[in-house]
N, C-alpha and C. Protein backbone atom coordinates (compact mmCIF):
# COMPACT_ATOMS: atom_id res chain seq x y z
N MET A 1 235.35 276.91 196.73
CA MET A 1 234.87 277.54 197.95
C MET A 1 233.39 277.14 198.14
N PRO A 2 233.07 276.46 199.31
CA PRO A 2 231.71 276.02 199.53
C PRO A 2 230.72 277.20 199.64
N ILE A 3 229.51 276.91 199.17
CA ILE A 3 228.47 277.95 199.21
C ILE A 3 227.63 277.72 200.46
N ARG A 4 227.47 278.70 201.22
CA ARG A 4 226.65 278.63 202.44
C ARG A 4 225.34 279.36 202.24
N LEU A 5 224.30 278.63 202.49
CA LEU A 5 222.99 279.26 202.39
C LEU A 5 222.62 279.81 203.75
N ARG A 6 222.24 281.02 203.75
CA ARG A 6 221.82 281.65 205.00
C ARG A 6 220.32 281.84 204.99
N LEU A 7 219.68 281.14 205.93
CA LEU A 7 218.22 281.27 206.02
C LEU A 7 217.85 282.58 206.70
N PRO A 8 216.75 283.11 206.34
CA PRO A 8 216.29 284.31 207.08
C PRO A 8 216.09 284.03 208.54
N GLN A 9 216.26 285.04 209.34
CA GLN A 9 216.17 284.88 210.78
C GLN A 9 214.85 284.27 211.21
N ARG A 10 213.77 284.71 210.61
CA ARG A 10 212.43 284.18 210.98
C ARG A 10 212.31 282.72 210.64
N LEU A 11 212.84 282.27 209.49
CA LEU A 11 212.75 280.87 209.09
C LEU A 11 213.60 280.01 209.98
N ARG A 12 214.76 280.56 210.36
CA ARG A 12 215.63 279.77 211.29
C ARG A 12 214.97 279.58 212.61
N GLY A 13 214.28 280.59 213.06
CA GLY A 13 213.54 280.50 214.34
C GLY A 13 212.42 279.48 214.25
N LEU A 14 211.75 279.44 213.08
CA LEU A 14 210.66 278.47 212.91
C LEU A 14 211.17 277.05 212.92
N CYS A 15 212.34 276.82 212.31
CA CYS A 15 212.90 275.45 212.29
C CYS A 15 213.30 274.97 213.70
N ARG A 16 213.71 275.94 214.50
CA ARG A 16 214.10 275.56 215.88
C ARG A 16 212.91 275.48 216.83
N ASP A 17 211.78 275.93 216.41
CA ASP A 17 210.57 275.98 217.28
C ASP A 17 209.96 274.56 217.40
N THR A 18 209.95 273.98 218.58
CA THR A 18 209.43 272.62 218.80
C THR A 18 208.06 272.67 219.47
N ARG A 19 207.49 273.82 219.59
CA ARG A 19 206.18 273.89 220.20
C ARG A 19 205.11 273.17 219.33
N GLY A 20 204.29 272.38 219.95
CA GLY A 20 203.26 271.63 219.21
C GLY A 20 203.71 270.25 218.78
N THR A 21 204.99 269.92 218.98
CA THR A 21 205.45 268.58 218.61
C THR A 21 204.77 267.50 219.39
N ALA A 22 204.61 267.73 220.69
CA ALA A 22 203.95 266.72 221.56
C ALA A 22 202.48 266.52 221.17
N ALA A 23 201.84 267.63 220.77
CA ALA A 23 200.42 267.53 220.37
C ALA A 23 200.27 266.72 219.07
N MET A 24 201.24 266.93 218.18
CA MET A 24 201.17 266.13 216.92
C MET A 24 201.44 264.67 217.16
N GLU A 25 202.42 264.38 218.01
CA GLU A 25 202.69 262.98 218.38
C GLU A 25 201.48 262.36 219.05
N PHE A 26 200.85 263.10 219.91
CA PHE A 26 199.69 262.59 220.63
C PHE A 26 198.53 262.29 219.64
N ALA A 27 198.35 263.15 218.63
CA ALA A 27 197.32 262.96 217.63
C ALA A 27 197.56 261.71 216.80
N VAL A 28 198.85 261.41 216.59
CA VAL A 28 199.17 260.22 215.79
C VAL A 28 199.00 258.95 216.61
N VAL A 29 199.42 258.97 217.89
CA VAL A 29 199.40 257.79 218.76
C VAL A 29 198.01 257.50 219.30
N LEU A 30 197.18 258.51 219.50
CA LEU A 30 195.87 258.34 220.15
C LEU A 30 194.97 257.27 219.46
N PRO A 31 194.79 257.34 218.13
CA PRO A 31 193.95 256.28 217.51
C PRO A 31 194.51 254.88 217.71
N ILE A 32 195.81 254.74 217.67
CA ILE A 32 196.43 253.42 217.90
C ILE A 32 196.15 252.93 219.32
N MET A 33 196.31 253.82 220.26
CA MET A 33 196.09 253.47 221.66
C MET A 33 194.61 253.10 221.91
N PHE A 34 193.70 253.85 221.29
CA PHE A 34 192.26 253.54 221.47
C PHE A 34 191.91 252.20 220.84
N THR A 35 192.51 251.92 219.67
CA THR A 35 192.26 250.62 219.01
C THR A 35 192.77 249.47 219.90
N LEU A 36 193.94 249.62 220.46
CA LEU A 36 194.50 248.58 221.36
C LEU A 36 193.65 248.42 222.60
N LEU A 37 193.26 249.53 223.17
CA LEU A 37 192.46 249.51 224.39
C LEU A 37 191.12 248.80 224.18
N PHE A 38 190.38 249.19 223.12
CA PHE A 38 189.08 248.57 222.89
C PHE A 38 189.22 247.16 222.37
N GLY A 39 190.34 246.89 221.65
CA GLY A 39 190.60 245.51 221.22
C GLY A 39 190.79 244.56 222.40
N ILE A 40 191.57 245.00 223.38
CA ILE A 40 191.80 244.21 224.56
C ILE A 40 190.49 244.00 225.33
N TYR A 41 189.70 245.07 225.41
CA TYR A 41 188.39 244.99 226.11
C TYR A 41 187.49 243.95 225.42
N GLU A 42 187.43 243.95 224.07
CA GLU A 42 186.57 243.04 223.37
C GLU A 42 187.07 241.58 223.49
N VAL A 43 188.39 241.39 223.46
CA VAL A 43 188.93 240.04 223.65
C VAL A 43 188.53 239.51 225.03
N VAL A 44 188.64 240.35 226.04
CA VAL A 44 188.24 239.96 227.41
C VAL A 44 186.76 239.61 227.46
N GLN A 45 185.95 240.40 226.74
CA GLN A 45 184.48 240.15 226.75
C GLN A 45 184.18 238.82 226.07
N VAL A 46 184.87 238.49 224.99
CA VAL A 46 184.64 237.24 224.30
C VAL A 46 185.01 236.06 225.18
N VAL A 47 186.16 236.18 225.84
CA VAL A 47 186.62 235.12 226.73
C VAL A 47 185.61 234.92 227.92
N ARG A 48 185.14 236.08 228.42
CA ARG A 48 184.18 236.04 229.49
C ARG A 48 182.88 235.37 229.06
N ALA A 49 182.38 235.71 227.87
CA ALA A 49 181.16 235.09 227.38
C ALA A 49 181.34 233.63 227.12
N ASN A 50 182.52 233.22 226.67
CA ASN A 50 182.79 231.81 226.43
C ASN A 50 182.84 231.01 227.72
N MET A 51 183.42 231.62 228.76
CA MET A 51 183.44 230.97 230.10
C MET A 51 182.03 230.87 230.65
N GLN A 52 181.23 231.92 230.48
CA GLN A 52 179.84 231.90 230.95
C GLN A 52 179.06 230.82 230.26
N LEU A 53 179.32 230.66 228.95
CA LEU A 53 178.62 229.63 228.18
C LEU A 53 179.02 228.23 228.66
N ALA A 54 180.28 228.04 228.95
CA ALA A 54 180.76 226.72 229.49
C ALA A 54 180.09 226.39 230.77
N ASN A 55 179.99 227.38 231.69
CA ASN A 55 179.32 227.15 232.99
C ASN A 55 177.84 226.86 232.79
N THR A 56 177.24 227.54 231.81
CA THR A 56 175.81 227.33 231.52
C THR A 56 175.54 225.94 231.00
N ALA A 57 176.36 225.48 230.03
CA ALA A 57 176.21 224.15 229.47
C ALA A 57 176.38 223.06 230.56
N THR A 58 177.33 223.24 231.43
CA THR A 58 177.56 222.30 232.55
C THR A 58 176.35 222.26 233.46
N SER A 59 175.77 223.45 233.77
CA SER A 59 174.63 223.50 234.64
C SER A 59 173.42 222.82 234.05
N ILE A 60 173.18 222.99 232.75
CA ILE A 60 172.05 222.34 232.11
C ILE A 60 172.22 220.83 232.14
N ALA A 61 173.42 220.37 231.81
CA ALA A 61 173.67 218.91 231.83
C ALA A 61 173.43 218.33 233.22
N ASP A 62 173.85 219.07 234.25
CA ASP A 62 173.68 218.60 235.61
C ASP A 62 172.19 218.59 236.03
N MET A 63 171.45 219.62 235.59
CA MET A 63 170.00 219.68 235.94
C MET A 63 169.23 218.53 235.28
N VAL A 64 169.57 218.24 233.99
CA VAL A 64 168.92 217.15 233.33
C VAL A 64 169.26 215.83 233.99
N ALA A 65 170.53 215.65 234.35
CA ALA A 65 170.99 214.38 234.97
C ALA A 65 170.32 214.12 236.30
N GLN A 66 169.81 215.17 236.97
CA GLN A 66 169.15 214.97 238.27
C GLN A 66 167.70 214.51 238.11
N GLN A 67 167.13 214.55 236.95
CA GLN A 67 165.70 214.25 236.77
C GLN A 67 165.46 212.75 236.62
N SER A 68 165.49 212.04 237.71
CA SER A 68 165.36 210.59 237.68
C SER A 68 163.96 210.19 237.19
N ALA A 69 162.98 211.09 237.35
CA ALA A 69 161.60 210.80 236.85
C ALA A 69 161.42 211.13 235.39
N GLY A 70 162.46 211.64 234.75
CA GLY A 70 162.36 211.96 233.32
C GLY A 70 162.13 213.43 233.10
N VAL A 71 162.25 213.86 231.84
CA VAL A 71 162.07 215.25 231.48
C VAL A 71 161.00 215.38 230.38
N THR A 72 160.51 216.58 230.21
CA THR A 72 159.57 216.88 229.13
C THR A 72 160.21 217.90 228.20
N SER A 73 160.02 217.68 226.91
CA SER A 73 160.68 218.56 225.92
C SER A 73 159.81 219.75 225.57
N GLY A 74 160.42 220.68 224.81
CA GLY A 74 159.68 221.83 224.36
C GLY A 74 159.82 223.05 225.25
N PRO A 75 159.55 224.25 224.76
CA PRO A 75 159.65 225.45 225.56
C PRO A 75 158.83 225.46 226.84
N ALA A 76 157.71 224.74 226.85
CA ALA A 76 156.81 224.70 228.00
C ALA A 76 157.16 223.52 228.93
N GLY A 77 158.09 222.67 228.53
CA GLY A 77 158.40 221.52 229.37
C GLY A 77 159.56 221.82 230.32
N SER A 78 159.99 220.79 231.01
CA SER A 78 161.07 220.96 231.97
C SER A 78 162.38 221.40 231.28
N LEU A 79 162.63 220.88 230.07
CA LEU A 79 163.82 221.32 229.34
C LEU A 79 163.74 222.79 228.96
N GLY A 80 162.52 223.26 228.66
CA GLY A 80 162.31 224.68 228.37
C GLY A 80 162.58 225.53 229.57
N ASN A 81 162.19 225.03 230.75
CA ASN A 81 162.48 225.76 232.01
C ASN A 81 163.96 225.81 232.29
N PHE A 82 164.67 224.69 231.99
CA PHE A 82 166.11 224.71 232.16
C PHE A 82 166.76 225.73 231.22
N CYS A 83 166.20 225.86 230.02
CA CYS A 83 166.73 226.82 229.06
C CYS A 83 166.54 228.25 229.53
N LYS A 84 165.37 228.51 230.12
CA LYS A 84 165.09 229.86 230.67
C LYS A 84 166.12 230.19 231.77
N ALA A 85 166.38 229.20 232.62
CA ALA A 85 167.37 229.43 233.70
C ALA A 85 168.75 229.65 233.04
N ALA A 86 169.06 228.91 231.97
CA ALA A 86 170.36 229.07 231.33
C ALA A 86 170.53 230.42 230.74
N ARG A 87 169.46 230.98 230.16
CA ARG A 87 169.57 232.33 229.58
C ARG A 87 169.87 233.35 230.70
N MET A 88 169.30 233.14 231.87
CA MET A 88 169.59 234.06 232.98
C MET A 88 171.05 233.88 233.42
N MET A 89 171.57 232.65 233.33
CA MET A 89 172.97 232.41 233.70
C MET A 89 173.93 233.12 232.77
N MET A 90 173.50 233.44 231.57
CA MET A 90 174.36 234.11 230.61
C MET A 90 174.53 235.61 230.90
N ALA A 91 173.74 236.17 231.86
CA ALA A 91 173.85 237.58 232.20
C ALA A 91 175.30 237.90 232.59
N PRO A 92 175.80 239.07 232.22
CA PRO A 92 175.15 240.24 231.63
C PRO A 92 175.01 240.20 230.10
N PHE A 93 175.32 239.09 229.49
CA PHE A 93 175.23 238.97 228.03
C PHE A 93 173.76 238.69 227.63
N PRO A 94 173.20 239.46 226.72
CA PRO A 94 171.81 239.24 226.34
C PRO A 94 171.65 237.91 225.63
N ALA A 95 170.62 237.13 225.98
CA ALA A 95 170.46 235.78 225.38
C ALA A 95 169.00 235.54 225.05
N GLU A 96 168.24 236.58 224.76
CA GLU A 96 166.81 236.42 224.50
C GLU A 96 166.45 236.41 223.02
N ALA A 97 167.41 236.73 222.15
CA ALA A 97 167.10 236.84 220.71
C ALA A 97 166.79 235.47 220.11
N THR A 98 165.98 235.46 219.13
CA THR A 98 165.64 234.21 218.38
C THR A 98 166.46 234.08 217.12
N SER A 99 167.14 235.14 216.72
CA SER A 99 168.06 235.10 215.59
C SER A 99 169.03 236.24 215.68
N GLY A 100 170.18 236.10 215.02
CA GLY A 100 171.18 237.16 215.05
C GLY A 100 171.93 237.25 216.38
N PRO A 101 172.54 238.40 216.68
CA PRO A 101 173.29 238.55 217.91
C PRO A 101 172.45 238.31 219.13
N GLY A 102 173.02 237.64 220.11
CA GLY A 102 172.28 237.34 221.35
C GLY A 102 171.48 236.07 221.28
N THR A 103 171.61 235.30 220.20
CA THR A 103 170.90 234.04 220.07
C THR A 103 171.55 232.97 220.94
N PHE A 104 170.74 232.34 221.79
CA PHE A 104 171.24 231.28 222.66
C PHE A 104 170.42 230.02 222.35
N SER A 105 171.09 228.92 222.08
CA SER A 105 170.39 227.68 221.77
C SER A 105 171.11 226.51 222.40
N VAL A 106 170.37 225.43 222.65
CA VAL A 106 170.91 224.25 223.35
C VAL A 106 170.38 222.97 222.70
N ALA A 107 171.33 222.10 222.42
CA ALA A 107 170.96 220.75 221.93
C ALA A 107 171.27 219.79 223.09
N ILE A 108 170.28 218.98 223.48
CA ILE A 108 170.44 218.06 224.61
C ILE A 108 170.13 216.65 224.11
N ALA A 109 171.06 215.70 224.42
CA ALA A 109 170.86 214.33 223.99
C ALA A 109 171.20 213.37 225.15
N SER A 110 170.50 212.24 225.17
CA SER A 110 170.75 211.19 226.12
C SER A 110 171.28 210.00 225.37
N LEU A 111 172.47 209.48 225.80
CA LEU A 111 173.11 208.35 225.16
C LEU A 111 173.26 207.20 226.17
N THR A 112 173.04 206.02 225.72
CA THR A 112 173.23 204.81 226.57
C THR A 112 173.99 203.75 225.81
N HIS A 113 174.90 203.07 226.52
CA HIS A 113 175.65 202.01 225.92
C HIS A 113 175.00 200.67 226.30
N TYR A 114 174.20 200.12 225.38
CA TYR A 114 173.50 198.86 225.61
C TYR A 114 174.36 197.70 225.12
N THR A 115 174.06 196.51 225.63
CA THR A 115 174.82 195.34 225.23
C THR A 115 174.66 195.07 223.75
N ALA A 116 173.45 195.15 223.27
CA ALA A 116 173.21 194.96 221.81
C ALA A 116 173.10 196.31 221.16
N GLY A 117 173.84 196.53 220.12
CA GLY A 117 173.76 197.77 219.36
C GLY A 117 174.75 198.83 219.78
N GLY A 118 175.47 198.62 220.88
CA GLY A 118 176.46 199.59 221.35
C GLY A 118 175.82 200.90 221.80
N VAL A 119 176.53 201.99 221.57
CA VAL A 119 176.07 203.31 222.04
C VAL A 119 174.85 203.73 221.19
N THR A 120 173.75 204.05 221.90
CA THR A 120 172.48 204.41 221.24
C THR A 120 172.04 205.77 221.74
N ILE A 121 171.58 206.62 220.80
CA ILE A 121 170.96 207.90 221.20
C ILE A 121 169.51 207.63 221.57
N ASP A 122 169.22 207.76 222.87
CA ASP A 122 167.84 207.48 223.37
C ASP A 122 166.90 208.59 222.90
N TRP A 123 167.34 209.83 223.00
CA TRP A 123 166.52 210.95 222.55
C TRP A 123 167.40 212.18 222.41
N GLU A 124 166.88 213.16 221.67
CA GLU A 124 167.56 214.44 221.54
C GLU A 124 166.53 215.55 221.47
N SER A 125 166.80 216.66 222.12
CA SER A 125 165.93 217.81 222.12
C SER A 125 166.73 219.03 221.59
N ASP A 126 166.22 219.64 220.53
CA ASP A 126 166.87 220.78 219.95
C ASP A 126 166.02 222.05 219.97
N GLY A 127 164.75 221.89 220.30
CA GLY A 127 163.84 223.03 220.23
C GLY A 127 163.24 223.46 221.52
N SER A 128 163.95 223.22 222.62
CA SER A 128 163.40 223.59 223.94
C SER A 128 163.70 225.03 224.28
N CYS A 129 164.62 225.67 223.57
CA CYS A 129 164.89 227.10 223.81
C CYS A 129 164.10 227.94 222.79
N LYS A 130 164.16 229.24 222.96
CA LYS A 130 163.49 230.14 222.01
C LYS A 130 164.03 229.89 220.59
N ALA A 131 165.34 229.73 220.48
CA ALA A 131 165.97 229.48 219.17
C ALA A 131 166.31 227.99 219.10
N SER A 132 166.01 227.32 217.99
CA SER A 132 166.29 225.94 217.84
C SER A 132 167.82 225.75 217.59
N ALA A 133 168.33 224.72 218.21
CA ALA A 133 169.75 224.41 218.05
C ALA A 133 169.96 223.53 216.83
N THR A 134 171.19 223.50 216.34
CA THR A 134 171.55 222.60 215.26
C THR A 134 171.58 221.17 215.79
N ARG A 135 170.91 220.27 215.10
CA ARG A 135 170.81 218.90 215.55
C ARG A 135 172.17 218.24 215.67
N LEU A 136 172.42 217.55 216.79
CA LEU A 136 173.67 216.83 216.98
C LEU A 136 173.69 215.54 216.15
N GLY A 137 172.60 214.76 216.22
CA GLY A 137 172.53 213.51 215.51
C GLY A 137 173.67 212.59 215.85
N ALA A 138 174.31 212.02 214.83
CA ALA A 138 175.41 211.07 215.05
C ALA A 138 176.59 211.71 215.77
N SER A 139 176.75 213.00 215.64
CA SER A 139 177.89 213.65 216.28
C SER A 139 177.81 213.58 217.80
N ALA A 140 176.60 213.37 218.35
CA ALA A 140 176.47 213.25 219.82
C ALA A 140 177.23 212.01 220.26
N THR A 141 177.26 210.96 219.48
CA THR A 141 178.00 209.74 219.85
C THR A 141 179.48 210.00 219.82
N SER A 142 179.95 210.69 218.79
CA SER A 142 181.39 210.98 218.72
C SER A 142 181.84 211.93 219.82
N LEU A 143 180.95 212.85 220.21
CA LEU A 143 181.29 213.73 221.34
C LEU A 143 181.49 212.97 222.62
N ALA A 144 180.66 211.93 222.82
CA ALA A 144 180.73 211.15 224.06
C ALA A 144 181.77 210.06 224.07
N THR A 145 182.30 209.75 222.90
CA THR A 145 183.25 208.61 222.84
C THR A 145 184.64 209.04 222.33
N SER A 146 184.82 210.24 221.92
CA SER A 146 186.12 210.67 221.38
C SER A 146 186.40 212.12 221.77
N PRO A 147 187.63 212.42 222.23
CA PRO A 147 188.81 211.50 222.33
C PRO A 147 188.76 210.61 223.53
N THR A 148 187.96 210.95 224.55
CA THR A 148 187.84 210.08 225.75
C THR A 148 186.50 209.37 225.72
N ASN A 149 186.51 208.05 225.86
CA ASN A 149 185.28 207.30 225.83
C ASN A 149 184.59 207.41 227.16
N LEU A 150 183.47 208.16 227.17
CA LEU A 150 182.71 208.35 228.42
C LEU A 150 181.66 207.25 228.65
N LEU A 151 181.56 206.32 227.72
CA LEU A 151 180.63 205.18 227.84
C LEU A 151 181.39 203.89 227.64
N PRO A 152 182.30 203.56 228.56
CA PRO A 152 183.19 202.43 228.30
C PRO A 152 182.53 201.04 228.57
N ASN A 153 181.48 200.98 229.34
CA ASN A 153 180.95 199.71 229.76
C ASN A 153 179.62 199.39 229.08
N ALA A 154 179.50 198.16 228.62
CA ALA A 154 178.22 197.72 228.05
C ALA A 154 177.43 196.97 229.15
N GLY A 155 176.11 197.10 229.08
CA GLY A 155 175.30 196.42 230.09
C GLY A 155 173.84 196.53 229.72
N SER A 156 172.99 196.27 230.64
CA SER A 156 171.56 196.39 230.35
C SER A 156 170.92 197.07 231.59
N PRO A 157 170.58 198.34 231.58
CA PRO A 157 170.65 199.21 230.41
C PRO A 157 172.02 199.74 230.11
N GLY A 158 173.03 199.55 230.96
CA GLY A 158 174.37 200.01 230.68
C GLY A 158 174.59 201.43 231.09
N ASP A 159 175.83 201.93 230.84
CA ASP A 159 176.14 203.27 231.17
C ASP A 159 175.37 204.24 230.33
N SER A 160 175.01 205.37 230.97
CA SER A 160 174.26 206.40 230.24
C SER A 160 174.89 207.76 230.53
N ILE A 161 174.72 208.71 229.59
CA ILE A 161 175.29 210.03 229.77
C ILE A 161 174.42 211.06 229.05
N ILE A 162 174.38 212.26 229.62
CA ILE A 162 173.68 213.40 229.01
C ILE A 162 174.72 214.27 228.34
N VAL A 163 174.46 214.59 227.06
CA VAL A 163 175.35 215.45 226.28
C VAL A 163 174.59 216.78 226.00
N VAL A 164 175.25 217.88 226.33
CA VAL A 164 174.65 219.19 226.09
C VAL A 164 175.63 220.03 225.27
N GLN A 165 175.13 220.60 224.18
CA GLN A 165 175.94 221.54 223.40
C GLN A 165 175.21 222.86 223.34
N ALA A 166 175.79 223.87 223.96
CA ALA A 166 175.19 225.19 224.01
C ALA A 166 175.92 226.09 223.05
N SER A 167 175.16 226.90 222.33
CA SER A 167 175.70 227.87 221.34
C SER A 167 175.24 229.28 221.68
N TYR A 168 176.14 230.23 221.47
CA TYR A 168 175.79 231.65 221.71
C TYR A 168 176.37 232.50 220.61
N ARG A 169 175.56 233.35 220.06
CA ARG A 169 176.01 234.24 218.94
C ARG A 169 176.39 235.60 219.56
N TYR A 170 177.68 235.87 219.58
CA TYR A 170 178.21 237.09 220.22
C TYR A 170 178.59 238.10 219.11
N LEU A 171 178.20 239.32 219.33
CA LEU A 171 178.56 240.40 218.40
C LEU A 171 179.27 241.49 219.17
N SER A 172 180.40 241.93 218.66
CA SER A 172 181.17 242.95 219.32
C SER A 172 180.40 244.29 219.33
N ALA A 173 180.50 244.99 220.44
CA ALA A 173 179.88 246.32 220.53
C ALA A 173 180.66 247.32 219.69
N ILE A 174 181.91 246.98 219.43
CA ILE A 174 182.76 247.87 218.62
C ILE A 174 182.97 247.21 217.27
N GLN A 175 182.14 247.54 216.33
CA GLN A 175 182.09 246.81 215.07
C GLN A 175 183.41 246.77 214.34
N TYR A 176 184.19 247.86 214.38
CA TYR A 176 185.44 247.86 213.57
C TYR A 176 186.52 246.99 214.15
N VAL A 177 186.35 246.55 215.42
CA VAL A 177 187.32 245.67 216.01
C VAL A 177 186.99 244.22 215.70
N LEU A 178 185.74 243.85 215.91
CA LEU A 178 185.26 242.49 215.58
C LEU A 178 184.00 242.65 214.74
N PRO A 179 184.17 242.79 213.41
CA PRO A 179 183.02 243.14 212.58
C PRO A 179 182.06 242.00 212.36
N LEU A 180 182.48 240.76 212.59
CA LEU A 180 181.60 239.60 212.30
C LEU A 180 181.14 238.96 213.62
N PRO A 181 179.88 238.49 213.64
CA PRO A 181 179.40 237.79 214.84
C PRO A 181 180.20 236.53 215.08
N LEU A 182 180.50 236.23 216.35
CA LEU A 182 181.19 235.03 216.70
C LEU A 182 180.20 234.04 217.27
N VAL A 183 180.24 232.80 216.79
CA VAL A 183 179.37 231.76 217.31
C VAL A 183 180.21 230.92 218.28
N LEU A 184 179.92 231.06 219.57
CA LEU A 184 180.63 230.36 220.62
C LEU A 184 179.90 229.06 220.89
N LYS A 185 180.63 227.98 221.06
CA LYS A 185 180.03 226.67 221.37
C LYS A 185 180.77 226.00 222.53
N GLN A 186 179.99 225.41 223.41
CA GLN A 186 180.56 224.67 224.54
C GLN A 186 179.77 223.37 224.72
N THR A 187 180.48 222.31 225.01
CA THR A 187 179.84 220.99 225.20
C THR A 187 180.09 220.52 226.66
N ALA A 188 179.05 220.00 227.25
CA ALA A 188 179.17 219.50 228.62
C ALA A 188 178.54 218.11 228.73
N PHE A 189 178.99 217.34 229.72
CA PHE A 189 178.50 215.96 229.92
C PHE A 189 178.13 215.79 231.39
N ALA A 190 177.17 214.93 231.64
CA ALA A 190 176.78 214.60 233.04
C ALA A 190 176.22 213.23 233.06
N ARG A 191 176.55 212.45 234.11
CA ARG A 191 175.99 211.11 234.26
C ARG A 191 174.71 211.20 235.09
N PRO A 192 173.66 210.54 234.62
CA PRO A 192 172.41 210.50 235.37
C PRO A 192 172.62 209.91 236.75
N ARG A 193 171.87 210.38 237.71
CA ARG A 193 171.93 209.83 239.05
C ARG A 193 171.51 208.37 239.06
N GLY A 194 172.32 207.53 239.67
CA GLY A 194 172.03 206.11 239.70
C GLY A 194 172.40 205.42 238.38
N ASP A 195 172.98 206.20 237.44
CA ASP A 195 173.44 205.69 236.13
C ASP A 195 172.32 205.09 235.34
N GLN A 196 171.07 205.43 235.63
CA GLN A 196 169.93 204.98 234.84
C GLN A 196 169.58 206.02 233.78
N PRO A 197 169.25 205.61 232.56
CA PRO A 197 168.94 206.59 231.49
C PRO A 197 167.79 207.50 231.90
N ILE A 198 167.92 208.79 231.54
CA ILE A 198 166.86 209.76 231.73
C ILE A 198 165.90 209.66 230.58
N THR A 199 164.62 209.48 230.88
CA THR A 199 163.59 209.41 229.81
C THR A 199 163.12 210.80 229.44
N CYS A 200 162.62 210.91 228.23
CA CYS A 200 162.09 212.17 227.74
C CYS A 200 160.68 211.94 227.16
N THR A 201 159.73 212.72 227.63
CA THR A 201 158.38 212.58 227.15
C THR A 201 158.27 213.18 225.75
N ALA A 202 157.64 212.39 224.87
CA ALA A 202 157.47 212.82 223.46
C ALA A 202 156.51 214.01 223.39
N PRO A 203 156.63 214.91 222.41
CA PRO A 203 157.67 214.82 221.37
C PRO A 203 158.97 215.42 221.89
N CYS A 204 160.04 214.63 221.78
CA CYS A 204 161.35 215.06 222.23
C CYS A 204 162.22 215.37 221.01
N SER A 205 162.10 216.60 220.52
CA SER A 205 162.78 216.97 219.29
C SER A 205 163.18 218.42 219.35
């Protein structure tokens, strides 16, 4: 004969009571929903900053390419003025820092394909912004020739191109979503007007 356990009336009523279930479920789901919400927001912000950086790099390359009379290097030169304009283009993202989050730097190089010697780096400027950029060096040539060769013709002076690599150090406002700073990089190219190489007044470094 099976044994039946009879719960006290009060305990049976407590088991059937579903009041507060929704509040408990909400308490469990809320942190997950907040994490997803802020995670999506931060991903959108990173994409937005990256697009802003791409537009900024393109604008700097175009401004340098327009200077048929040449450019001057350094923070006080024309390249420094272009960098100041570029930092304003990064708004609403802060780009005034010299180190850490908000650091904005630009490496600018002029390349020409001469008959003798092939592709030559005419000059490079890495210190025209508040923060110095990582030197491109030989990588400037590979950027301009691979995977698409932007300097296909040899001549005297030959085809010339301006290479700009802009970097921005982005840090998430929500540390637990993106705890590490992201270094965003964008490269842009522009042909000088009249296809003549743009000169840079020394010191161009």
